[in-house]
Amino acid sequence: SLMVVPISQAAANQRAGRAGRTQPGKCFRLFTAYSFQHELDPNTTPEILRTNMCNVVLMLKSLGIDNLLAFDFMDAPPPDTLIRSLEQLYALGALNDRGELTKMGRRMAEFPLDPMLSKTVIVSEKYKCVSEILSTVSMLSIGTSVFYRPKEKKVHADTAHQNFARGGGGDHIALLRCYSDWAESDYSPQWCFENFIQVRNIRKARDVREQLEALCERVEVDPNISNPEDVESILKAVTAGFFYNTARLGRSGDYETVKQRRTVYIHPSSVLAKEEPLPGWVCYFELAFTSKEYMRQVAPIQSKWLVEIAPHFYQESDVEDAKTKKMPKGMKQKR
């Protein structure tokens, strides 16, 4: 989960230093002196102590380092974080039951991506949609939104963004359509301007895609396999990498994650945020914790895919709660 937290005193002082770098300047802080002295930590917590360790663990395993708890980190991450990462890599098929790297794990380690995205790329060959998944993954991996929403043209921007969502498939397919349309326009900056797309970010996605294409050849995946019309196969490939990140619609009208049973909400920027009716099951890219716990980049899925794609992780009992037979009598009568 991405959690919004206060900055540190050191970070605040560093930002203040930017104000007078080339000539005298002033820095206006949006918090009180009391908050600075009593609520902010003196120094920023090292990133290794607060981020997902899956990529680091996979890299260390690929280098032949098996005993991670004994590894000499500069700032050792909490053992629980390492154990969670090992569990996730095992669920993704990157590690065997002895904690050793599998063939799938070696192929995943070739990609400089989050292991979930790496798995999605590799599995896409099975679903005959490698080209589409490369475009989708490159758009997801740049870390920032390609869409922008100027204050004076909010309605126009929202309409342009919703146009990419026509035909269903959620945020992942909308990103794919956006990239594909841009490619068909011969990567035109004018097209980006007309559709409220940030040129710099989508060009970065193109650079990432070209790198991923080259890496596909290294792991013996043909990057030219394409089936743009088969939305179901594309979403199945995404689910194969992100089955860990799934949520279902509860009777209260809110989503809850399937395994941890945490209440989560679709992010307002998602194309599914205003959809009626809401999909019963969704797969999301990441969680962001602000005022609520929001799912970012959401795709509608079918519950049966989870048992089909990850039978080692999901049982029939995990997905059958949403079926009619589990509904209370009162709800059945209304229907």
C-alpha atoms as a PDB file:
ATOM      1  CA  SER A   1       0.000   0.000   0.000  1.00  0.00           C
ATOM      2  CA  LEU A   2       1.113   3.560  -0.707  1.00  0.00           C
ATOM      3  CA  MET A   3       0.590   5.557   2.481  1.00  0.00           C
ATOM      4  CA  VAL A   4       0.748   9.349   2.676  1.00  0.00           C
ATOM      5  CA  VAL A   5       2.971  10.340   5.633  1.00  0.00           C
ATOM      6  CA  PRO A   6       4.509  13.625   6.890  1.00  0.00           C
ATOM      7  CA  ILE A   7       7.969  14.546   5.620  1.00  0.00           C
ATOM      8  CA  SER A   8      10.973  14.674   7.969  1.00  0.00           C
ATOM      9  CA  GLN A   9      12.695  17.767   9.394  1.00  0.00           C
ATOM     10  CA  ALA A  10      15.741  16.994   7.231  1.00  0.00           C
ATOM     11  CA  ALA A  11      13.591  16.854   4.080  1.00  0.00           C
ATOM     12  CA  ALA A  12      11.853  20.134   5.035  1.00  0.00           C
ATOM     13  CA  ASN A  13      15.224  21.872   5.502  1.00  0.00           C
ATOM     14  CA  GLN A  14      16.471  20.465   2.210  1.00  0.00           C
ATOM     15  CA  ARG A  15      13.405  21.847   0.396  1.00  0.00           C
ATOM     16  CA  ALA A  16      13.877  25.227   2.106  1.00  0.00           C
ATOM     17  CA  GLY A  17      17.439  25.295   0.750  1.00  0.00           C
ATOM     18  CA  ARG A  18      16.049  25.216  -2.806  1.00  0.00           C
ATOM     19  CA  ALA A  19      14.396  28.621  -2.262  1.00  0.00           C
ATOM     20  CA  GLY A  20      17.706  30.515  -1.999  1.00  0.00           C
ATOM     21  CA  ARG A  21      19.829  28.521  -4.405  1.00  0.00           C
ATOM     22  CA  THR A  22      20.452  31.062  -7.169  1.00  0.00           C
ATOM     23  CA  GLN A  23      19.439  34.244  -5.340  1.00  0.00           C
ATOM     24  CA  PRO A  24      17.863  35.202  -1.982  1.00  0.00           C
ATOM     25  CA  GLY A  25      14.378  33.728  -1.599  1.00  0.00           C
ATOM     26  CA  LYS A  26      11.674  32.783   0.888  1.00  0.00           C
ATOM     27  CA  CYS A  27      10.205  29.375   1.751  1.00  0.00           C
ATOM     28  CA  PHE A  28       6.595  29.271   3.029  1.00  0.00           C
ATOM     29  CA  ARG A  29       5.847  26.103   4.957  1.00  0.00           C
ATOM     30  CA  LEU A  30       2.317  24.735   5.052  1.00  0.00           C
ATOM     31  CA  PHE A  31       2.582  23.633   8.677  1.00  0.00           C
ATOM     32  CA  THR A  32       3.250  25.307  12.035  1.00  0.00           C
ATOM     33  CA  ALA A  33       6.561  25.628  13.874  1.00  0.00           C
ATOM     34  CA  TYR A  34       5.077  23.399  16.601  1.00  0.00           C
ATOM     35  CA  SER A  35       4.344  20.654  14.040  1.00  0.00           C
ATOM     36  CA  PHE A  36       7.904  20.938  12.715  1.00  0.00           C
ATOM     37  CA  GLN A  37       9.398  20.553  16.194  1.00  0.00           C
ATOM     38  CA  HIS A  38       7.071  17.904  17.641  1.00  0.00           C
ATOM     39  CA  GLU A  39       5.389  15.952  14.804  1.00  0.00           C
ATOM     40  CA  LEU A  40       8.066  15.505  12.123  1.00  0.00           C
ATOM     41  CA  ASP A  41      10.797  12.871  12.471  1.00  0.00           C
ATOM     42  CA  PRO A  42      14.343  14.297  12.481  1.00  0.00           C
ATOM     43  CA  ASN A  43      15.395  12.175   9.478  1.00  0.00           C
ATOM     44  CA  THR A  44      13.672  10.368   6.598  1.00  0.00           C
ATOM     45  CA  THR A  45      13.129   6.644   7.164  1.00  0.00           C
ATOM     46  CA  PRO A  46      15.334   4.675   4.710  1.00  0.00           C
ATOM     47  CA  GLU A  47      13.315   3.475   1.740  1.00  0.00           C
ATOM     48  CA  ILE A  48      14.222  -0.172   2.343  1.00  0.00           C
ATOM     49  CA  LEU A  49      12.330  -0.040   5.666  1.00  0.00           C
ATOM     50  CA  ARG A  50       9.060   1.181   4.140  1.00  0.00           C
ATOM     51  CA  THR A  51       8.685  -0.352   0.672  1.00  0.00           C
ATOM     52  CA  ASN A  52       7.717  -3.634  -0.944  1.00  0.00           C
ATOM     53  CA  MET A  53      10.797  -5.886  -0.912  1.00  0.00           C
ATOM     54  CA  CYS A  54       9.682  -8.374  -3.589  1.00  0.00           C
ATOM     55  CA  ASN A  55      11.948  -6.964  -6.283  1.00  0.00           C
ATOM     56  CA  VAL A  56      14.973  -6.841  -3.944  1.00  0.00           C
ATOM     57  CA  VAL A  57      14.383 -10.402  -2.709  1.00  0.00           C
ATOM     58  CA  LEU A  58      14.034 -11.703  -6.286  1.00  0.00           C
ATOM     59  CA  MET A  59      17.246  -9.921  -7.313  1.00  0.00           C
ATOM     60  CA  LEU A  60      19.189 -11.326  -4.336  1.00  0.00           C
ATOM     61  CA  LYS A  61      17.873 -14.822  -5.036  1.00  0.00           C
ATOM     62  CA  SER A  62      18.941 -14.531  -8.690  1.00  0.00           C
ATOM     63  CA  LEU A  63      22.448 -13.565  -7.495  1.00  0.00           C
ATOM     64  CA  GLY A  64      22.620 -16.777  -5.453  1.00  0.00           C
ATOM     65  CA  ILE A  65      22.052 -15.222  -1.996  1.00  0.00           C
ATOM     66  CA  ASP A  66      19.669 -17.590  -0.204  1.00  0.00           C
ATOM     67  CA  ASN A  67      19.965 -16.645   3.475  1.00  0.00           C
ATOM     68  CA  LEU A  68      18.328 -13.220   3.344  1.00  0.00           C
ATOM     69  CA  LEU A  69      18.045 -12.803   7.119  1.00  0.00           C
ATOM     70  CA  ALA A  70      21.845 -13.067   7.418  1.00  0.00           C
ATOM     71  CA  PHE A  71      22.547 -10.732   4.484  1.00  0.00           C
ATOM     72  CA  ASP A  72      24.444  -7.568   5.487  1.00  0.00           C
ATOM     73  CA  PHE A  73      21.956  -4.824   4.560  1.00  0.00           C
ATOM     74  CA  MET A  74      23.009  -1.233   5.389  1.00  0.00           C
ATOM     75  CA  ASP A  75      19.569  -0.866   7.026  1.00  0.00           C
ATOM     76  CA  ALA A  76      18.094  -4.301   7.611  1.00  0.00           C
ATOM     77  CA  PRO A  77      14.374  -4.468   6.676  1.00  0.00           C
ATOM     78  CA  PRO A  78      11.978  -5.997   9.232  1.00  0.00           C
ATOM     79  CA  PRO A  79      11.945  -9.840   9.048  1.00  0.00           C
ATOM     80  CA  ASP A  80       8.146  -9.736   8.530  1.00  0.00           C
ATOM     81  CA  THR A  81       8.648  -7.711   5.333  1.00  0.00           C
ATOM     82  CA  LEU A  82      11.105 -10.270   3.979  1.00  0.00           C
ATOM     83  CA  ILE A  83       8.806 -13.168   4.884  1.00  0.00           C
ATOM     84  CA  ARG A  84       5.836 -11.463   3.165  1.00  0.00           C
ATOM     85  CA  SER A  85       7.958 -10.943   0.051  1.00  0.00           C
ATOM     86  CA  LEU A  86       9.028 -14.608   0.026  1.00  0.00           C
ATOM     87  CA  GLU A  87       5.384 -15.686   0.379  1.00  0.00           C
ATOM     88  CA  GLN A  88       4.344 -13.453  -2.520  1.00  0.00           C
ATOM     89  CA  LEU A  89       7.173 -14.707  -4.770  1.00  0.00           C
ATOM     90  CA  TYR A  90       6.215 -18.296  -3.911  1.00  0.00           C
ATOM     91  CA  ALA A  91       2.577 -17.556  -4.840  1.00  0.00           C
ATOM     92  CA  LEU A  92       3.761 -16.038  -8.149  1.00  0.00           C
ATOM     93  CA  GLY A  93       5.731 -19.221  -8.904  1.00  0.00           C
ATOM     94  CA  ALA A  94       9.153 -17.518  -8.701  1.00  0.00           C
ATOM     95  CA  LEU A  95      10.257 -19.722  -5.759  1.00  0.00           C
ATOM     96  CA  ASN A  96       9.719 -23.403  -5.026  1.00  0.00           C
ATOM     97  CA  ASP A  97       8.697 -24.825  -1.637  1.00  0.00           C
ATOM     98  CA  ARG A  98      12.369 -24.865  -0.541  1.00  0.00           C
ATOM     99  CA  GLY A  99      12.720 -21.151  -1.275  1.00  0.00           C
ATOM    100  CA  GLU A 100      14.883 -21.718  -4.375  1.00  0.00           C
ATOM    101  CA  LEU A 101      14.493 -19.797  -7.626  1.00  0.00           C
ATOM    102  CA  THR A 102      12.394 -21.610 -10.258  1.00  0.00           C
ATOM    103  CA  LYS A 103      12.725 -21.293 -14.041  1.00  0.00           C
ATOM    104  CA  MET A 104       9.842 -18.797 -13.918  1.00  0.00           C
ATOM    105  CA  GLY A 105      11.710 -16.858 -11.203  1.00  0.00           C
ATOM    106  CA  ARG A 106      14.877 -16.644 -13.322  1.00  0.00           C
ATOM    107  CA  ARG A 107      12.869 -15.289 -16.261  1.00  0.00           C
ATOM    108  CA  MET A 108      11.088 -12.774 -13.985  1.00  0.00           C
ATOM    109  CA  ALA A 109      14.444 -11.577 -12.583  1.00  0.00           C
ATOM    110  CA  GLU A 110      15.515 -10.505 -16.104  1.00  0.00           C
ATOM    111  CA  PHE A 111      12.944  -7.680 -16.063  1.00  0.00           C
ATOM    112  CA  PRO A 112      13.638  -4.468 -14.067  1.00  0.00           C
ATOM    113  CA  LEU A 113       9.991  -4.453 -12.994  1.00  0.00           C
ATOM    114  CA  ASP A 114       7.871  -5.300 -10.001  1.00  0.00           C
ATOM    115  CA  PRO A 115       7.628  -9.147  -9.983  1.00  0.00           C
ATOM    116  CA  MET A 116       3.858  -8.943 -10.539  1.00  0.00           C
ATOM    117  CA  LEU A 117       4.398  -6.991 -13.769  1.00  0.00           C
ATOM    118  CA  SER A 118       7.193  -9.391 -14.825  1.00  0.00           C
ATOM    119  CA  LYS A 119       4.886 -12.371 -14.320  1.00  0.00           C
ATOM    120  CA  THR A 120       2.160 -10.633 -16.366  1.00  0.00           C
ATOM    121  CA  VAL A 121       4.576 -10.147 -19.300  1.00  0.00           C
ATOM    122  CA  ILE A 122       5.796 -13.762 -19.248  1.00  0.00           C
ATOM    123  CA  VAL A 123       2.319 -15.287 -18.896  1.00  0.00           C
ATOM    124  CA  SER A 124       0.951 -13.112 -21.727  1.00  0.00           C
ATOM    125  CA  GLU A 125       2.552 -15.515 -24.238  1.00  0.00           C
ATOM    126  CA  LYS A 126       0.160 -18.231 -23.043  1.00  0.00           C
ATOM    127  CA  TYR A 127      -2.802 -15.905 -23.676  1.00  0.00           C
ATOM    128  CA  LYS A 128      -1.462 -14.767 -27.103  1.00  0.00           C
ATOM    129  CA  CYS A 129      -1.411 -11.056 -26.213  1.00  0.00           C
ATOM    130  CA  VAL A 130       2.255 -10.166 -25.559  1.00  0.00           C
ATOM    131  CA  SER A 131       2.234  -6.940 -27.588  1.00  0.00           C
ATOM    132  CA  GLU A 132      -0.841  -5.590 -25.755  1.00  0.00           C
ATOM    133  CA  ILE A 133       0.544  -6.531 -22.329  1.00  0.00           C
ATOM    134  CA  LEU A 134       3.877  -4.822 -23.093  1.00  0.00           C
ATOM    135  CA  SER A 135       2.001  -1.597 -23.868  1.00  0.00           C
ATOM    136  CA  THR A 136      -0.167  -1.908 -20.739  1.00  0.00           C
ATOM    137  CA  VAL A 137       2.744  -2.777 -18.435  1.00  0.00           C
ATOM    138  CA  SER A 138       4.884   0.073 -19.768  1.00  0.00           C
ATOM    139  CA  MET A 139       2.039   2.513 -19.079  1.00  0.00           C
ATOM    140  CA  LEU A 140       1.601   1.115 -15.544  1.00  0.00           C
ATOM    141  CA  SER A 141       5.310   1.067 -14.718  1.00  0.00           C
ATOM    142  CA  ILE A 142       6.103   4.754 -15.353  1.00  0.00           C
ATOM    143  CA  GLY A 143       4.682   5.516 -11.908  1.00  0.00           C
ATOM    144  CA  THR A 144       2.736   8.664 -12.852  1.00  0.00           C
ATOM    145  CA  SER A 145      -0.485   9.278 -14.715  1.00  0.00           C
ATOM    146  CA  VAL A 146      -0.314  10.051 -18.431  1.00  0.00           C
ATOM    147  CA  PHE A 147      -3.609  11.942 -18.181  1.00  0.00           C
ATOM    148  CA  TYR A 148      -3.833  15.564 -17.099  1.00  0.00           C
ATOM    149  CA  ARG A 149      -6.866  17.640 -16.178  1.00  0.00           C
ATOM    150  CA  PRO A 150      -6.495  21.434 -16.561  1.00  0.00           C
ATOM    151  CA  LYS A 151      -8.842  23.422 -14.293  1.00  0.00           C
ATOM    152  CA  GLU A 152     -10.422  25.398 -17.116  1.00  0.00           C
ATOM    153  CA  LYS A 153     -11.114  22.275 -19.241  1.00  0.00           C
ATOM    154  CA  LYS A 154     -12.041  19.618 -16.682  1.00  0.00           C
ATOM    155  CA  VAL A 155     -15.163  18.448 -18.556  1.00  0.00           C
ATOM    156  CA  HIS A 156     -13.308  18.168 -21.878  1.00  0.00           C
ATOM    157  CA  ALA A 157     -10.451  16.250 -20.225  1.00  0.00           C
ATOM    158  CA  ASP A 158     -12.809  13.836 -18.429  1.00  0.00           C
ATOM    159  CA  THR A 159     -14.694  13.199 -21.696  1.00  0.00           C
ATOM    160  CA  ALA A 160     -11.436  12.512 -23.555  1.00  0.00           C
ATOM    161  CA  HIS A 161     -10.299  10.086 -20.843  1.00  0.00           C
ATOM    162  CA  GLN A 162     -13.663   8.292 -20.740  1.00  0.00           C
ATOM    163  CA  ASN A 163     -13.449   7.784 -24.521  1.00  0.00           C
ATOM    164  CA  PHE A 164     -10.540   5.379 -23.922  1.00  0.00           C
ATOM    165  CA  ALA A 165     -12.748   3.374 -21.535  1.00  0.00           C
ATOM    166  CA  ARG A 166     -15.512   2.747 -24.080  1.00  0.00           C
ATOM    167  CA  GLY A 167     -15.816  -0.959 -24.726  1.00  0.00           C
ATOM    168  CA  GLY A 168     -15.079  -1.956 -21.122  1.00  0.00           C
ATOM    169  CA  GLY A 169     -11.996  -3.503 -19.563  1.00  0.00           C
ATOM    170  CA  GLY A 170     -11.334  -0.922 -16.852  1.00  0.00           C
ATOM    171  CA  ASP A 171      -8.198   1.190 -16.429  1.00  0.00           C
ATOM    172  CA  HIS A 172      -5.766  -1.370 -17.875  1.00  0.00           C
ATOM    173  CA  ILE A 173      -7.574  -1.577 -21.211  1.00  0.00           C
ATOM    174  CA  ALA A 174      -8.094   2.209 -21.233  1.00  0.00           C
ATOM    175  CA  LEU A 175      -4.303   2.657 -20.894  1.00  0.00           C
ATOM    176  CA  LEU A 176      -3.774   0.120 -23.684  1.00  0.00           C
ATOM    177  CA  ARG A 177      -6.219   1.949 -25.987  1.00  0.00           C
ATOM    178  CA  CYS A 178      -4.529   5.252 -25.152  1.00  0.00           C
ATOM    179  CA  TYR A 179      -1.073   3.921 -26.093  1.00  0.00           C
ATOM    180  CA  SER A 180      -2.357   2.139 -29.219  1.00  0.00           C
ATOM    181  CA  ASP A 181      -4.191   5.251 -30.469  1.00  0.00           C
ATOM    182  CA  TRP A 182      -1.074   7.352 -29.881  1.00  0.00           C
ATOM    183  CA  ALA A 183       1.033   4.822 -31.816  1.00  0.00           C
ATOM    184  CA  GLU A 184      -1.517   4.919 -34.697  1.00  0.00           C
ATOM    185  CA  SER A 185      -1.202   8.727 -34.781  1.00  0.00           C
ATOM    186  CA  ASP A 186       2.542   8.207 -35.429  1.00  0.00           C
ATOM    187  CA  TYR A 187       3.346   9.307 -31.842  1.00  0.00           C
ATOM    188  CA  SER A 188       1.950  12.770 -32.524  1.00  0.00           C
ATOM    189  CA  PRO A 189       2.374  15.497 -29.842  1.00  0.00           C
ATOM    190  CA  GLN A 190      -0.697  17.219 -31.314  1.00  0.00           C
ATOM    191  CA  TRP A 191      -2.775  14.068 -30.633  1.00  0.00           C
ATOM    192  CA  CYS A 192      -1.584  14.175 -26.998  1.00  0.00           C
ATOM    193  CA  PHE A 193      -2.605  17.829 -26.711  1.00  0.00           C
ATOM    194  CA  GLU A 194      -6.081  17.123 -28.117  1.00  0.00           C
ATOM    195  CA  ASN A 195      -6.627  14.142 -25.785  1.00  0.00           C
ATOM    196  CA  PHE A 196      -5.153  15.732 -22.628  1.00  0.00           C
ATOM    197  CA  ILE A 197      -2.201  13.326 -22.469  1.00  0.00           C
ATOM    198  CA  GLN A 198       1.153  14.329 -20.952  1.00  0.00           C
ATOM    199  CA  VAL A 199       3.649  13.973 -23.810  1.00  0.00           C
ATOM    200  CA  ARG A 200       6.704  13.472 -21.612  1.00  0.00           C
ATOM    201  CA  ASN A 201       5.116  10.644 -19.601  1.00  0.00           C
ATOM    202  CA  ILE A 202       3.757   8.717 -22.590  1.00  0.00           C
ATOM    203  CA  ARG A 203       7.141   9.031 -24.341  1.00  0.00           C
ATOM    204  CA  LYS A 204       8.719   7.553 -21.224  1.00  0.00           C
ATOM    205  CA  ALA A 205       6.247   4.648 -21.529  1.00  0.00           C
ATOM    206  CA  ARG A 206       7.375   4.142 -25.151  1.00  0.00           C
ATOM    207  CA  ASP A 207      11.028   3.986 -24.005  1.00  0.00           C
ATOM    208  CA  VAL A 208      10.121   1.423 -21.332  1.00  0.00           C
ATOM    209  CA  ARG A 209       8.208  -0.637 -23.892  1.00  0.00           C
ATOM    210  CA  GLU A 210      11.205  -0.743 -26.254  1.00  0.00           C
ATOM    211  CA  GLN A 211      13.435  -1.971 -23.418  1.00  0.00           C
ATOM    212  CA  LEU A 212      10.891  -4.637 -22.441  1.00  0.00           C
ATOM    213  CA  GLU A 213      10.693  -5.830 -26.058  1.00  0.00           C
ATOM    214  CA  ALA A 214      14.460  -6.422 -26.064  1.00  0.00           C
ATOM    215  CA  LEU A 215      14.272  -8.256 -22.720  1.00  0.00           C
ATOM    216  CA  CYS A 216      11.441 -10.473 -24.008  1.00  0.00           C
ATOM    217  CA  GLU A 217      13.801 -11.932 -26.586  1.00  0.00           C
ATOM    218  CA  ARG A 218      16.246 -12.767 -23.797  1.00  0.00           C
ATOM    219  CA  VAL A 219      13.608 -14.838 -21.955  1.00  0.00           C
ATOM    220  CA  GLU A 220      12.330 -16.431 -25.204  1.00  0.00           C
ATOM    221  CA  VAL A 221       8.999 -14.589 -25.363  1.00  0.00           C
ATOM    222  CA  ASP A 222       7.935 -13.363 -28.803  1.00  0.00           C
ATOM    223  CA  PRO A 223       7.024  -9.659 -28.339  1.00  0.00           C
ATOM    224  CA  ASN A 224       5.097  -9.557 -31.621  1.00  0.00           C
ATOM    225  CA  ILE A 225       2.322 -11.976 -30.598  1.00  0.00           C
ATOM    226  CA  SER A 226      -0.810  -9.832 -30.720  1.00  0.00           C
ATOM    227  CA  ASN A 227      -4.557 -10.188 -30.283  1.00  0.00           C
ATOM    228  CA  PRO A 228      -5.939  -6.676 -29.633  1.00  0.00           C
ATOM    229  CA  GLU A 229      -9.606  -7.664 -29.864  1.00  0.00           C
ATOM    230  CA  ASP A 230      -9.478 -10.333 -27.134  1.00  0.00           C
ATOM    231  CA  VAL A 231     -10.004  -8.189 -24.025  1.00  0.00           C
ATOM    232  CA  GLU A 232     -10.724 -11.255 -21.863  1.00  0.00           C
ATOM    233  CA  SER A 233      -7.303 -12.798 -22.586  1.00  0.00           C
ATOM    234  CA  ILE A 234      -5.541  -9.501 -21.828  1.00  0.00           C
ATOM    235  CA  LEU A 235      -7.363  -9.234 -18.493  1.00  0.00           C
ATOM    236  CA  LYS A 236      -6.567 -12.883 -17.701  1.00  0.00           C
ATOM    237  CA  ALA A 237      -2.861 -12.167 -18.279  1.00  0.00           C
ATOM    238  CA  VAL A 238      -3.109  -9.158 -15.924  1.00  0.00           C
ATOM    239  CA  THR A 239      -4.922 -11.313 -13.342  1.00  0.00           C
ATOM    240  CA  ALA A 240      -2.175 -13.967 -13.586  1.00  0.00           C
ATOM    241  CA  GLY A 241       0.298 -11.386 -12.299  1.00  0.00           C
ATOM    242  CA  PHE A 242      -2.002  -9.527  -9.911  1.00  0.00           C
ATOM    243  CA  PHE A 243      -4.189 -12.274  -8.407  1.00  0.00           C
ATOM    244  CA  TYR A 244      -2.705 -11.185  -5.061  1.00  0.00           C
ATOM    245  CA  ASN A 245      -4.450  -7.809  -5.516  1.00  0.00           C
ATOM    246  CA  THR A 246      -8.121  -8.688  -5.860  1.00  0.00           C
ATOM    247  CA  ALA A 247     -11.280  -7.372  -4.233  1.00  0.00           C
ATOM    248  CA  ARG A 248     -14.964  -8.215  -4.397  1.00  0.00           C
ATOM    249  CA  LEU A 249     -18.070  -6.091  -4.030  1.00  0.00           C
ATOM    250  CA  GLY A 250     -19.695  -6.659  -0.645  1.00  0.00           C
ATOM    251  CA  ARG A 251     -23.367  -6.479   0.217  1.00  0.00           C
ATOM    252  CA  SER A 252     -22.794  -3.017   1.722  1.00  0.00           C
ATOM    253  CA  GLY A 253     -21.767  -1.702  -1.717  1.00  0.00           C
ATOM    254  CA  ASP A 254     -18.088  -1.371  -0.718  1.00  0.00           C
ATOM    255  CA  TYR A 255     -15.227  -3.524  -1.956  1.00  0.00           C
ATOM    256  CA  GLU A 256     -13.194  -5.735   0.347  1.00  0.00           C
ATOM    257  CA  THR A 257      -9.922  -7.502  -0.458  1.00  0.00           C
ATOM    258  CA  VAL A 258     -10.405 -11.233  -0.880  1.00  0.00           C
ATOM    259  CA  LYS A 259      -7.733 -12.543   1.506  1.00  0.00           C
ATOM    260  CA  GLN A 260      -7.198  -9.786   4.107  1.00  0.00           C
ATOM    261  CA  ARG A 261     -10.855  -8.650   4.174  1.00  0.00           C
ATOM    262  CA  ARG A 262      -9.905  -4.951   4.210  1.00  0.00           C
ATOM    263  CA  THR A 263     -12.442  -2.403   2.981  1.00  0.00           C
ATOM    264  CA  VAL A 264     -11.097  -0.594  -0.090  1.00  0.00           C
ATOM    265  CA  TYR A 265     -12.521   1.905  -2.569  1.00  0.00           C
ATOM    266  CA  ILE A 266     -12.055   2.549  -6.287  1.00  0.00           C
ATOM    267  CA  HIS A 267      -9.931   5.677  -6.771  1.00  0.00           C
ATOM    268  CA  PRO A 268     -11.959   8.647  -8.127  1.00  0.00           C
ATOM    269  CA  SER A 269      -9.580   8.916 -11.115  1.00  0.00           C
ATOM    270  CA  SER A 270     -10.441   5.368 -12.250  1.00  0.00           C
ATOM    271  CA  VAL A 271     -12.699   4.893 -15.275  1.00  0.00           C
ATOM    272  CA  LEU A 272     -14.691   2.407 -13.157  1.00  0.00           C
ATOM    273  CA  ALA A 273     -15.408   4.978 -10.402  1.00  0.00           C
ATOM    274  CA  LYS A 274     -18.641   6.146 -12.077  1.00  0.00           C
ATOM    275  CA  GLU A 275     -19.618   2.859 -13.707  1.00  0.00           C
ATOM    276  CA  GLU A 276     -23.095   1.475 -13.042  1.00  0.00           C
ATOM    277  CA  PRO A 277     -23.454  -1.262 -12.000  1.00  0.00           C
ATOM    278  CA  LEU A 278     -20.050  -1.756 -10.370  1.00  0.00           C
ATOM    279  CA  PRO A 279     -18.229  -4.989 -11.320  1.00  0.00           C
ATOM    280  CA  GLY A 280     -18.543  -7.767  -8.735  1.00  0.00           C
ATOM    281  CA  TRP A 281     -14.821  -8.628  -8.770  1.00  0.00           C
ATOM    282  CA  VAL A 282     -11.840  -6.410  -9.557  1.00  0.00           C
ATOM    283  CA  CYS A 283      -8.075  -6.668  -9.808  1.00  0.00           C
ATOM    284  CA  TYR A 284      -6.016  -3.565  -8.909  1.00  0.00           C
ATOM    285  CA  PHE A 285      -2.446  -2.379  -9.506  1.00  0.00           C
ATOM    286  CA  GLU A 286      -1.784  -0.832  -6.078  1.00  0.00           C
ATOM    287  CA  LEU A 287      -3.411   0.553  -2.938  1.00  0.00           C
ATOM    288  CA  ALA A 288      -2.989   4.202  -1.960  1.00  0.00           C
ATOM    289  CA  PHE A 289      -3.908   5.244   1.583  1.00  0.00           C
ATOM    290  CA  THR A 290      -5.081   8.865   1.921  1.00  0.00           C
ATOM    291  CA  SER A 291      -8.420   9.628   3.578  1.00  0.00           C
ATOM    292  CA  LYS A 292      -9.498   6.093   2.580  1.00  0.00           C
ATOM    293  CA  GLU A 293      -7.700   3.072   1.173  1.00  0.00           C
ATOM    294  CA  TYR A 294      -8.049   3.474  -2.588  1.00  0.00           C
ATOM    295  CA  MET A 295      -7.415   0.971  -5.389  1.00  0.00           C
ATOM    296  CA  ARG A 296      -5.512   2.487  -8.299  1.00  0.00           C
ATOM    297  CA  GLN A 297      -5.689   1.176 -11.887  1.00  0.00           C
ATOM    298  CA  VAL A 298      -8.619  -1.211 -11.546  1.00  0.00           C
ATOM    299  CA  ALA A 299      -9.794  -3.903 -13.979  1.00  0.00           C
ATOM    300  CA  PRO A 300     -13.021  -5.948 -13.821  1.00  0.00           C
ATOM    301  CA  ILE A 301     -12.440  -9.721 -13.612  1.00  0.00           C
ATOM    302  CA  GLN A 302     -14.488 -12.896 -13.135  1.00  0.00           C
ATOM    303  CA  SER A 303     -14.179 -14.870  -9.908  1.00  0.00           C
ATOM    304  CA  LYS A 304     -13.758 -18.186 -11.767  1.00  0.00           C
ATOM    305  CA  TRP A 305     -10.514 -16.872 -13.318  1.00  0.00           C
ATOM    306  CA  LEU A 306      -8.877 -16.831  -9.876  1.00  0.00           C
ATOM    307  CA  VAL A 307      -9.372 -20.566  -9.312  1.00  0.00           C
ATOM    308  CA  GLU A 308      -8.363 -21.270 -12.908  1.00  0.00           C
ATOM    309  CA  ILE A 309      -5.207 -19.091 -12.851  1.00  0.00           C
ATOM    310  CA  ALA A 310      -4.058 -19.504  -9.216  1.00  0.00           C
ATOM    311  CA  PRO A 311      -5.531 -22.750  -7.832  1.00  0.00           C
ATOM    312  CA  HIS A 312      -2.685 -22.885  -5.280  1.00  0.00           C
ATOM    313  CA  PHE A 313      -3.804 -19.530  -3.830  1.00  0.00           C
ATOM    314  CA  TYR A 314      -7.601 -19.511  -4.254  1.00  0.00           C
ATOM    315  CA  GLN A 315     -10.008 -22.313  -3.398  1.00  0.00           C
ATOM    316  CA  GLU A 316     -13.612 -22.591  -4.566  1.00  0.00           C
ATOM    317  CA  SER A 317     -14.674 -21.529  -1.048  1.00  0.00           C
ATOM    318  CA  ASP A 318     -12.848 -18.182  -1.473  1.00  0.00           C
ATOM    319  CA  VAL A 319     -14.863 -17.217  -4.533  1.00  0.00           C
ATOM    320  CA  GLU A 320     -18.260 -18.817  -3.957  1.00  0.00           C
ATOM    321  CA  ASP A 321     -19.427 -16.354  -1.275  1.00  0.00           C
ATOM    322  CA  ALA A 322     -20.570 -13.977  -4.000  1.00  0.00           C
ATOM    323  CA  LYS A 323     -22.909 -16.554  -5.489  1.00  0.00           C
ATOM    324  CA  THR A 324     -26.644 -16.301  -5.007  1.00  0.00           C
ATOM    325  CA  LYS A 325     -26.827 -19.303  -2.705  1.00  0.00           C
ATOM    326  CA  LYS A 326     -24.857 -17.410  -0.066  1.00  0.00           C
ATOM    327  CA  MET A 327     -27.202 -14.402  -0.024  1.00  0.00           C
ATOM    328  CA  PRO A 328     -29.537 -13.873   2.946  1.00  0.00           C
ATOM    329  CA  LYS A 329     -33.198 -14.819   2.462  1.00  0.00           C
ATOM    330  CA  GLY A 330     -34.358 -11.186   2.500  1.00  0.00           C
ATOM    331  CA  MET A 331     -32.135 -10.292  -0.461  1.00  0.00           C
ATOM    332  CA  LYS A 332     -33.332 -13.294  -2.453  1.00  0.00           C
ATOM    333  CA  GLN A 333     -36.965 -12.276  -1.999  1.00  0.00           C
ATOM    334  CA  LYS A 334     -36.238  -8.740  -3.259  1.00  0.00           C
ATOM    335  CA  ARG A 335     -34.690 -10.131  -6.386  1.00  0.00           C
END
